[in-house]
Amino acid sequence: MVFLGAGGEVTFAPSPSLIHHQLTLKGSWVAGLGEMKDLRAFLARKGLHTELTVTDRFPLEQTGDAYRIFDEGRTTGKVVVIP
């Protein structure tokens, strides 16, 4: 089970939700929208081009494939999931 980003409060009972089903919970947080704007400005100031860094793009429906390719090291750059 993976939680990406933040969108409010999530509550659940760990024992029946995770432990009984032998699930692993992972969370991922990269940056907020304000931080992304700052990052874009930084990249522009430094002359860095995201179109060269992002090597793989996936629609939201193929998120599993995106994670698999990144995890297996089959990409040379950034993997982006497009909502």
PDB file of N, CA and C in Angstrom:
ATOM      1  N   MET A   1       0.850  -1.148   0.000  1.00  0.00           N
ATOM      2  CA  MET A   1       0.000   0.000   0.000  1.00  0.00           C
ATOM      3  C   MET A   1       0.902   1.218   0.000  1.00  0.00           C
ATOM      4  N   VAL A   2       0.610   2.168  -0.889  1.00  0.00           N
ATOM      5  CA  VAL A   2       1.436   3.364  -1.015  1.00  0.00           C
ATOM      6  C   VAL A   2       0.567   4.605  -0.882  1.00  0.00           C
ATOM      7  N   PHE A   3       1.040   5.559  -0.095  1.00  0.00           N
ATOM      8  CA  PHE A   3       0.410   6.867  -0.003  1.00  0.00           C
ATOM      9  C   PHE A   3       1.328   7.865  -0.690  1.00  0.00           C
ATOM     10  N   LEU A   4       0.819   8.576  -1.685  1.00  0.00           N
ATOM     11  CA  LEU A   4       1.598   9.575  -2.412  1.00  0.00           C
ATOM     12  C   LEU A   4       1.068  10.956  -2.095  1.00  0.00           C
ATOM     13  N   GLY A   5       1.967  11.846  -1.703  1.00  0.00           N
ATOM     14  CA  GLY A   5       1.585  13.225  -1.450  1.00  0.00           C
ATOM     15  C   GLY A   5       0.729  13.357  -0.205  1.00  0.00           C
ATOM     16  N   ALA A   6      -0.040  14.400  -0.165  1.00  0.00           N
ATOM     17  CA  ALA A   6      -0.901  14.651   0.986  1.00  0.00           C
ATOM     18  C   ALA A   6      -2.198  15.247   0.491  1.00  0.00           C
ATOM     19  N   GLY A   7      -3.285  14.771   1.018  1.00  0.00           N
ATOM     20  CA  GLY A   7      -4.564  15.290   0.574  1.00  0.00           C
ATOM     21  C   GLY A   7      -5.577  15.344   1.693  1.00  0.00           C
ATOM     22  N   GLY A   8      -5.114  15.391   2.900  1.00  0.00           N
ATOM     23  CA  GLY A   8      -6.025  15.421   4.031  1.00  0.00           C
ATOM     24  C   GLY A   8      -5.634  14.373   5.044  1.00  0.00           C
ATOM     25  N   GLU A   9      -6.552  14.083   5.929  1.00  0.00           N
ATOM     26  CA  GLU A   9      -6.278  13.147   7.015  1.00  0.00           C
ATOM     27  C   GLU A   9      -6.745  11.749   6.648  1.00  0.00           C
ATOM     28  N   VAL A  10      -5.950  10.762   7.009  1.00  0.00           N
ATOM     29  CA  VAL A  10      -6.308   9.364   6.789  1.00  0.00           C
ATOM     30  C   VAL A  10      -6.209   8.653   8.128  1.00  0.00           C
ATOM     31  N   THR A  11      -7.258   7.943   8.480  1.00  0.00           N
ATOM     32  CA  THR A  11      -7.220   7.166   9.716  1.00  0.00           C
ATOM     33  C   THR A  11      -7.640   5.736   9.411  1.00  0.00           C
ATOM     34  N   PHE A  12      -6.986   4.800  10.062  1.00  0.00           N
ATOM     35  CA  PHE A  12      -7.344   3.394   9.936  1.00  0.00           C
ATOM     36  C   PHE A  12      -6.734   2.638  11.100  1.00  0.00           C
ATOM     37  N   ALA A  13      -7.255   1.457  11.344  1.00  0.00           N
ATOM     38  CA  ALA A  13      -6.727   0.602  12.405  1.00  0.00           C
ATOM     39  C   ALA A  13      -5.627  -0.269  11.808  1.00  0.00           C
ATOM     40  N   PRO A  14      -4.372  -0.105  12.243  1.00  0.00           N
ATOM     41  CA  PRO A  14      -3.252  -0.833  11.642  1.00  0.00           C
ATOM     42  C   PRO A  14      -3.404  -2.351  11.690  1.00  0.00           C
ATOM     43  N   SER A  15      -3.920  -2.877  12.780  1.00  0.00           N
ATOM     44  CA  SER A  15      -3.964  -4.327  12.905  1.00  0.00           C
ATOM     45  C   SER A  15      -4.835  -4.984  11.822  1.00  0.00           C
ATOM     46  N   PRO A  16      -6.131  -4.656  11.728  1.00  0.00           N
ATOM     47  CA  PRO A  16      -6.933  -5.320  10.694  1.00  0.00           C
ATOM     48  C   PRO A  16      -6.606  -4.842   9.275  1.00  0.00           C
ATOM     49  N   SER A  17      -6.191  -3.584   9.133  1.00  0.00           N
ATOM     50  CA  SER A  17      -5.944  -3.033   7.792  1.00  0.00           C
ATOM     51  C   SER A  17      -4.614  -3.471   7.201  1.00  0.00           C
ATOM     52  N   LEU A  18      -3.562  -3.537   8.010  1.00  0.00           N
ATOM     53  CA  LEU A  18      -2.226  -3.842   7.499  1.00  0.00           C
ATOM     54  C   LEU A  18      -1.719  -5.196   7.967  1.00  0.00           C
ATOM     55  N   ILE A  19      -1.691  -5.372   9.274  1.00  0.00           N
ATOM     56  CA  ILE A  19      -1.056  -6.562   9.836  1.00  0.00           C
ATOM     57  C   ILE A  19      -1.789  -7.843   9.433  1.00  0.00           C
ATOM     58  N   HIS A  20      -3.101  -7.865   9.545  1.00  0.00           N
ATOM     59  CA  HIS A  20      -3.851  -9.084   9.207  1.00  0.00           C
ATOM     60  C   HIS A  20      -3.729  -9.464   7.736  1.00  0.00           C
ATOM     61  N   HIS A  21      -3.517  -8.477   6.900  1.00  0.00           N
ATOM     62  CA  HIS A  21      -3.366  -8.734   5.461  1.00  0.00           C
ATOM     63  C   HIS A  21      -1.906  -8.794   5.044  1.00  0.00           C
ATOM     64  N   GLN A  22      -0.996  -8.667   6.016  1.00  0.00           N
ATOM     65  CA  GLN A  22       0.444  -8.701   5.777  1.00  0.00           C
ATOM     66  C   GLN A  22       0.856  -7.686   4.699  1.00  0.00           C
ATOM     67  N   LEU A  23       0.350  -6.462   4.831  1.00  0.00           N
ATOM     68  CA  LEU A  23       0.665  -5.393   3.889  1.00  0.00           C
ATOM     69  C   LEU A  23       1.812  -4.541   4.419  1.00  0.00           C
ATOM     70  N   THR A  24       2.502  -3.909   3.514  1.00  0.00           N
ATOM     71  CA  THR A  24       3.533  -2.941   3.851  1.00  0.00           C
ATOM     72  C   THR A  24       3.033  -1.572   3.421  1.00  0.00           C
ATOM     73  N   LEU A  25       3.160  -0.598   4.289  1.00  0.00           N
ATOM     74  CA  LEU A  25       2.725   0.760   3.986  1.00  0.00           C
ATOM     75  C   LEU A  25       3.950   1.615   3.700  1.00  0.00           C
ATOM     76  N   LYS A  26       3.938   2.306   2.561  1.00  0.00           N
ATOM     77  CA  LYS A  26       5.019   3.223   2.211  1.00  0.00           C
ATOM     78  C   LYS A  26       4.404   4.568   1.897  1.00  0.00           C
ATOM     79  N   GLY A  27       5.136   5.607   2.229  1.00  0.00           N
ATOM     80  CA  GLY A  27       4.677   6.959   1.937  1.00  0.00           C
ATOM     81  C   GLY A  27       5.700   7.685   1.082  1.00  0.00           C
ATOM     82  N   SER A  28       5.215   8.639   0.299  1.00  0.00           N
ATOM     83  CA  SER A  28       6.119   9.393  -0.566  1.00  0.00           C
ATOM     84  C   SER A  28       5.673  10.845  -0.616  1.00  0.00           C
ATOM     85  N   TRP A  29       6.603  11.761  -0.372  1.00  0.00           N
ATOM     86  CA  TRP A  29       6.337  13.191  -0.454  1.00  0.00           C
ATOM     87  C   TRP A  29       7.506  13.833  -1.173  1.00  0.00           C
ATOM     88  N   VAL A  30       7.250  14.548  -2.218  1.00  0.00           N
ATOM     89  CA  VAL A  30       8.321  15.196  -2.962  1.00  0.00           C
ATOM     90  C   VAL A  30       8.319  16.685  -2.654  1.00  0.00           C
ATOM     91  N   ALA A  31       7.263  17.370  -3.018  1.00  0.00           N
ATOM     92  CA  ALA A  31       7.198  18.814  -2.802  1.00  0.00           C
ATOM     93  C   ALA A  31       5.776  19.289  -3.058  1.00  0.00           C
ATOM     94  N   GLY A  32       5.467  20.452  -2.500  1.00  0.00           N
ATOM     95  CA  GLY A  32       4.180  21.081  -2.760  1.00  0.00           C
ATOM     96  C   GLY A  32       4.238  21.903  -4.039  1.00  0.00           C
ATOM     97  N   LEU A  33       3.098  22.407  -4.461  1.00  0.00           N
ATOM     98  CA  LEU A  33       3.035  23.189  -5.703  1.00  0.00           C
ATOM     99  C   LEU A  33       3.909  24.431  -5.632  1.00  0.00           C
ATOM    100  N   GLY A  34       3.938  25.098  -4.490  1.00  0.00           N
ATOM    101  CA  GLY A  34       4.793  26.274  -4.344  1.00  0.00           C
ATOM    102  C   GLY A  34       6.258  25.925  -4.511  1.00  0.00           C
ATOM    103  N   GLU A  35       6.661  24.799  -3.936  1.00  0.00           N
ATOM    104  CA  GLU A  35       8.048  24.358  -4.071  1.00  0.00           C
ATOM    105  C   GLU A  35       8.372  23.965  -5.511  1.00  0.00           C
ATOM    106  N   MET A  36       7.393  23.403  -6.205  1.00  0.00           N
ATOM    107  CA  MET A  36       7.612  23.044  -7.613  1.00  0.00           C
ATOM    108  C   MET A  36       7.833  24.295  -8.463  1.00  0.00           C
ATOM    109  N   LYS A  37       7.109  25.378  -8.165  1.00  0.00           N
ATOM    110  CA  LYS A  37       7.302  26.636  -8.895  1.00  0.00           C
ATOM    111  C   LYS A  37       8.715  27.167  -8.658  1.00  0.00           C
ATOM    112  N   ASP A  38       9.169  27.084  -7.401  1.00  0.00           N
ATOM    113  CA  ASP A  38      10.533  27.517  -7.082  1.00  0.00           C
ATOM    114  C   ASP A  38      11.553  26.656  -7.821  1.00  0.00           C
ATOM    115  N   LEU A  39      11.284  25.358  -7.892  1.00  0.00           N
ATOM    116  CA  LEU A  39      12.194  24.448  -8.596  1.00  0.00           C
ATOM    117  C   LEU A  39      12.266  24.793 -10.076  1.00  0.00           C
ATOM    118  N   ARG A  40      11.115  25.069 -10.693  1.00  0.00           N
ATOM    119  CA  ARG A  40      11.114  25.436 -12.118  1.00  0.00           C
ATOM    120  C   ARG A  40      11.918  26.711 -12.350  1.00  0.00           C
ATOM    121  N   ALA A  41      11.776  27.679 -11.460  1.00  0.00           N
ATOM    122  CA  ALA A  41      12.525  28.929 -11.589  1.00  0.00           C
ATOM    123  C   ALA A  41      14.026  28.661 -11.452  1.00  0.00           C
ATOM    124  N   PHE A  42      14.401  27.814 -10.507  1.00  0.00           N
ATOM    125  CA  PHE A  42      15.806  27.453 -10.313  1.00  0.00           C
ATOM    126  C   PHE A  42      16.372  26.774 -11.565  1.00  0.00           C
ATOM    127  N   LEU A  43      15.622  25.820 -12.109  1.00  0.00           N
ATOM    128  CA  LEU A  43      16.078  25.123 -13.322  1.00  0.00           C
ATOM    129  C   LEU A  43      16.267  26.103 -14.470  1.00  0.00           C
ATOM    130  N   ALA A  44      15.339  27.055 -14.607  1.00  0.00           N
ATOM    131  CA  ALA A  44      15.448  28.048 -15.682  1.00  0.00           C
ATOM    132  C   ALA A  44      16.679  28.927 -15.483  1.00  0.00           C
ATOM    133  N   ARG A  45      16.927  29.368 -14.238  1.00  0.00           N
ATOM    134  CA  ARG A  45      18.110  30.199 -13.957  1.00  0.00           C
ATOM    135  C   ARG A  45      19.407  29.457 -14.275  1.00  0.00           C
ATOM    136  N   LYS A  46      19.436  28.171 -14.022  1.00  0.00           N
ATOM    137  CA  LYS A  46      20.654  27.374 -14.229  1.00  0.00           C
ATOM    138  C   LYS A  46      20.767  26.826 -15.652  1.00  0.00           C
ATOM    139  N   GLY A  47      19.727  27.066 -16.468  1.00  0.00           N
ATOM    140  CA  GLY A  47      19.766  26.574 -17.843  1.00  0.00           C
ATOM    141  C   GLY A  47      19.602  25.057 -17.940  1.00  0.00           C
ATOM    142  N   LEU A  48      18.938  24.457 -16.947  1.00  0.00           N
ATOM    143  CA  LEU A  48      18.703  23.007 -16.962  1.00  0.00           C
ATOM    144  C   LEU A  48      17.357  22.740 -17.619  1.00  0.00           C
ATOM    145  N   HIS A  49      17.288  21.748 -18.441  1.00  0.00           N
ATOM    146  CA  HIS A  49      16.100  21.492 -19.250  1.00  0.00           C
ATOM    147  C   HIS A  49      15.427  20.188 -18.830  1.00  0.00           C
ATOM    148  N   THR A  50      14.209  20.308 -18.312  1.00  0.00           N
ATOM    149  CA  THR A  50      13.499  19.129 -17.836  1.00  0.00           C
ATOM    150  C   THR A  50      13.191  18.149 -18.967  1.00  0.00           C
ATOM    151  N   GLU A  51      13.047  18.632 -20.180  1.00  0.00           N
ATOM    152  CA  GLU A  51      12.736  17.713 -21.279  1.00  0.00           C
ATOM    153  C   GLU A  51      13.883  16.732 -21.529  1.00  0.00           C
ATOM    154  N   LEU A  52      15.089  17.064 -21.060  1.00  0.00           N
ATOM    155  CA  LEU A  52      16.215  16.144 -21.180  1.00  0.00           C
ATOM    156  C   LEU A  52      16.311  15.218 -19.971  1.00  0.00           C
ATOM    157  N   THR A  53      15.787  15.656 -18.845  1.00  0.00           N
ATOM    158  CA  THR A  53      15.862  14.880 -17.613  1.00  0.00           C
ATOM    159  C   THR A  53      14.747  13.854 -17.523  1.00  0.00           C
ATOM    160  N   VAL A  54      13.546  14.226 -17.935  1.00  0.00           N
ATOM    161  CA  VAL A  54      12.394  13.323 -17.885  1.00  0.00           C
ATOM    162  C   VAL A  54      12.470  12.405 -19.096  1.00  0.00           C
ATOM    163  N   THR A  55      12.695  11.128 -18.826  1.00  0.00           N
ATOM    164  CA  THR A  55      12.852  10.165 -19.917  1.00  0.00           C
ATOM    165  C   THR A  55      11.625   9.299 -20.132  1.00  0.00           C
ATOM    166  N   ASP A  56      10.753   9.214 -19.131  1.00  0.00           N
ATOM    167  CA  ASP A  56       9.579   8.344 -19.230  1.00  0.00           C
ATOM    168  C   ASP A  56       8.361   9.051 -18.663  1.00  0.00           C
ATOM    169  N   ARG A  57       7.248   8.966 -19.391  1.00  0.00           N
ATOM    170  CA  ARG A  57       5.984   9.561 -18.940  1.00  0.00           C
ATOM    171  C   ARG A  57       4.896   8.497 -19.023  1.00  0.00           C
ATOM    172  N   PHE A  58       4.052   8.455 -17.975  1.00  0.00           N
ATOM    173  CA  PHE A  58       2.989   7.465 -17.921  1.00  0.00           C
ATOM    174  C   PHE A  58       1.687   8.126 -17.519  1.00  0.00           C
ATOM    175  N   PRO A  59       0.552   7.690 -18.111  1.00  0.00           N
ATOM    176  CA  PRO A  59      -0.735   8.177 -17.617  1.00  0.00           C
ATOM    177  C   PRO A  59      -1.002   7.563 -16.243  1.00  0.00           C
ATOM    178  N   LEU A  60      -1.884   8.189 -15.487  1.00  0.00           N
ATOM    179  CA  LEU A  60      -2.196   7.746 -14.133  1.00  0.00           C
ATOM    180  C   LEU A  60      -2.570   6.259 -14.096  1.00  0.00           C
ATOM    181  N   GLU A  61      -3.250   5.791 -15.112  1.00  0.00           N
ATOM    182  CA  GLU A  61      -3.687   4.393 -15.155  1.00  0.00           C
ATOM    183  C   GLU A  61      -2.511   3.412 -15.209  1.00  0.00           C
ATOM    184  N   GLN A  62      -1.340   3.872 -15.592  1.00  0.00           N
ATOM    185  CA  GLN A  62      -0.169   3.006 -15.710  1.00  0.00           C
ATOM    186  C   GLN A  62       0.870   3.279 -14.619  1.00  0.00           C
ATOM    187  N   THR A  63       0.398   3.782 -13.465  1.00  0.00           N
ATOM    188  CA  THR A  63       1.304   4.090 -12.366  1.00  0.00           C
ATOM    189  C   THR A  63       2.108   2.869 -11.939  1.00  0.00           C
ATOM    190  N   GLY A  64       1.481   1.708 -11.912  1.00  0.00           N
ATOM    191  CA  GLY A  64       2.187   0.477 -11.549  1.00  0.00           C
ATOM    192  C   GLY A  64       3.364   0.214 -12.466  1.00  0.00           C
ATOM    193  N   ASP A  65       3.168   0.391 -13.768  1.00  0.00           N
ATOM    194  CA  ASP A  65       4.257   0.211 -14.736  1.00  0.00           C
ATOM    195  C   ASP A  65       5.368   1.238 -14.497  1.00  0.00           C
ATOM    196  N   ALA A  66       4.981   2.475 -14.192  1.00  0.00           N
ATOM    197  CA  ALA A  66       5.971   3.532 -13.948  1.00  0.00           C
ATOM    198  C   ALA A  66       6.862   3.172 -12.763  1.00  0.00           C
ATOM    199  N   TYR A  67       6.252   2.735 -11.669  1.00  0.00           N
ATOM    200  CA  TYR A  67       7.036   2.361 -10.490  1.00  0.00           C
ATOM    201  C   TYR A  67       7.926   1.154 -10.777  1.00  0.00           C
ATOM    202  N   ARG A  68       7.399   0.195 -11.500  1.00  0.00           N
ATOM    203  CA  ARG A  68       8.169  -1.015 -11.819  1.00  0.00           C
ATOM    204  C   ARG A  68       9.407  -0.675 -12.654  1.00  0.00           C
ATOM    205  N   ILE A  69       9.242   0.130 -13.670  1.00  0.00           N
ATOM    206  CA  ILE A  69      10.360   0.508 -14.542  1.00  0.00           C
ATOM    207  C   ILE A  69      11.411   1.289 -13.760  1.00  0.00           C
ATOM    208  N   PHE A  70      10.965   2.219 -12.905  1.00  0.00           N
ATOM    209  CA  PHE A  70      11.909   2.981 -12.106  1.00  0.00           C
ATOM    210  C   PHE A  70      12.627   2.077 -11.111  1.00  0.00           C
ATOM    211  N   ASP A  71      11.873   1.206 -10.442  1.00  0.00           N
ATOM    212  CA  ASP A  71      12.447   0.318  -9.427  1.00  0.00           C
ATOM    213  C   ASP A  71      13.443  -0.662 -10.032  1.00  0.00           C
ATOM    214  N   GLU A  72      13.192  -1.113 -11.237  1.00  0.00           N
ATOM    215  CA  GLU A  72      14.086  -2.071 -11.898  1.00  0.00           C
ATOM    216  C   GLU A  72      15.299  -1.393 -12.521  1.00  0.00           C
ATOM    217  N   GLY A  73      15.350  -0.072 -12.465  1.00  0.00           N
ATOM    218  CA  GLY A  73      16.496   0.640 -13.021  1.00  0.00           C
ATOM    219  C   GLY A  73      16.515   0.635 -14.540  1.00  0.00           C
ATOM    220  N   ARG A  74      15.344   0.495 -15.168  1.00  0.00           N
ATOM    221  CA  ARG A  74      15.279   0.445 -16.628  1.00  0.00           C
ATOM    222  C   ARG A  74      15.128   1.813 -17.267  1.00  0.00           C
ATOM    223  N   THR A  75      15.370   2.864 -16.498  1.00  0.00           N
ATOM    224  CA  THR A  75      15.290   4.209 -17.045  1.00  0.00           C
ATOM    225  C   THR A  75      16.569   4.967 -16.704  1.00  0.00           C
ATOM    226  N   THR A  76      16.888   5.955 -17.480  1.00  0.00           N
ATOM    227  CA  THR A  76      18.119   6.719 -17.249  1.00  0.00           C
ATOM    228  C   THR A  76      17.833   8.098 -16.676  1.00  0.00           C
ATOM    229  N   GLY A  77      16.546   8.391 -16.461  1.00  0.00           N
ATOM    230  CA  GLY A  77      16.219   9.727 -15.966  1.00  0.00           C
ATOM    231  C   GLY A  77      15.048   9.690 -15.019  1.00  0.00           C
ATOM    232  N   LYS A  78      14.208  10.692 -15.106  1.00  0.00           N
ATOM    233  CA  LYS A  78      13.045  10.811 -14.234  1.00  0.00           C
ATOM    234  C   LYS A  78      11.837  10.160 -14.868  1.00  0.00           C
ATOM    235  N   VAL A  79      11.023   9.536 -14.035  1.00  0.00           N
ATOM    236  CA  VAL A  79       9.764   8.957 -14.450  1.00  0.00           C
ATOM    237  C   VAL A  79       8.654   9.869 -13.944  1.00  0.00           C
ATOM    238  N   VAL A  80       7.746  10.282 -14.823  1.00  0.00           N
ATOM    239  CA  VAL A  80       6.663  11.193 -14.460  1.00  0.00           C
ATOM    240  C   VAL A  80       5.331  10.506 -14.699  1.00  0.00           C
ATOM    241  N   VAL A  81       4.441  10.627 -13.706  1.00  0.00           N
ATOM    242  CA  VAL A  81       3.068  10.140 -13.855  1.00  0.00           C
ATOM    243  C   VAL A  81       2.199  11.365 -14.107  1.00  0.00           C
ATOM    244  N   ILE A  82       1.440  11.323 -15.194  1.00  0.00           N
ATOM    245  CA  ILE A  82       0.623  12.463 -15.610  1.00  0.00           C
ATOM    246  C   ILE A  82      -0.833  12.179 -15.256  1.00  0.00           C
ATOM    247  N   PRO A  83      -1.410  13.017 -14.358  1.00  0.00           N
ATOM    248  CA  PRO A  83      -2.814  12.781 -13.969  1.00  0.00           C
ATOM    249  C   PRO A  83      -3.781  13.044 -15.099  1.00  0.00           C
TER     250      PRO A  83
END
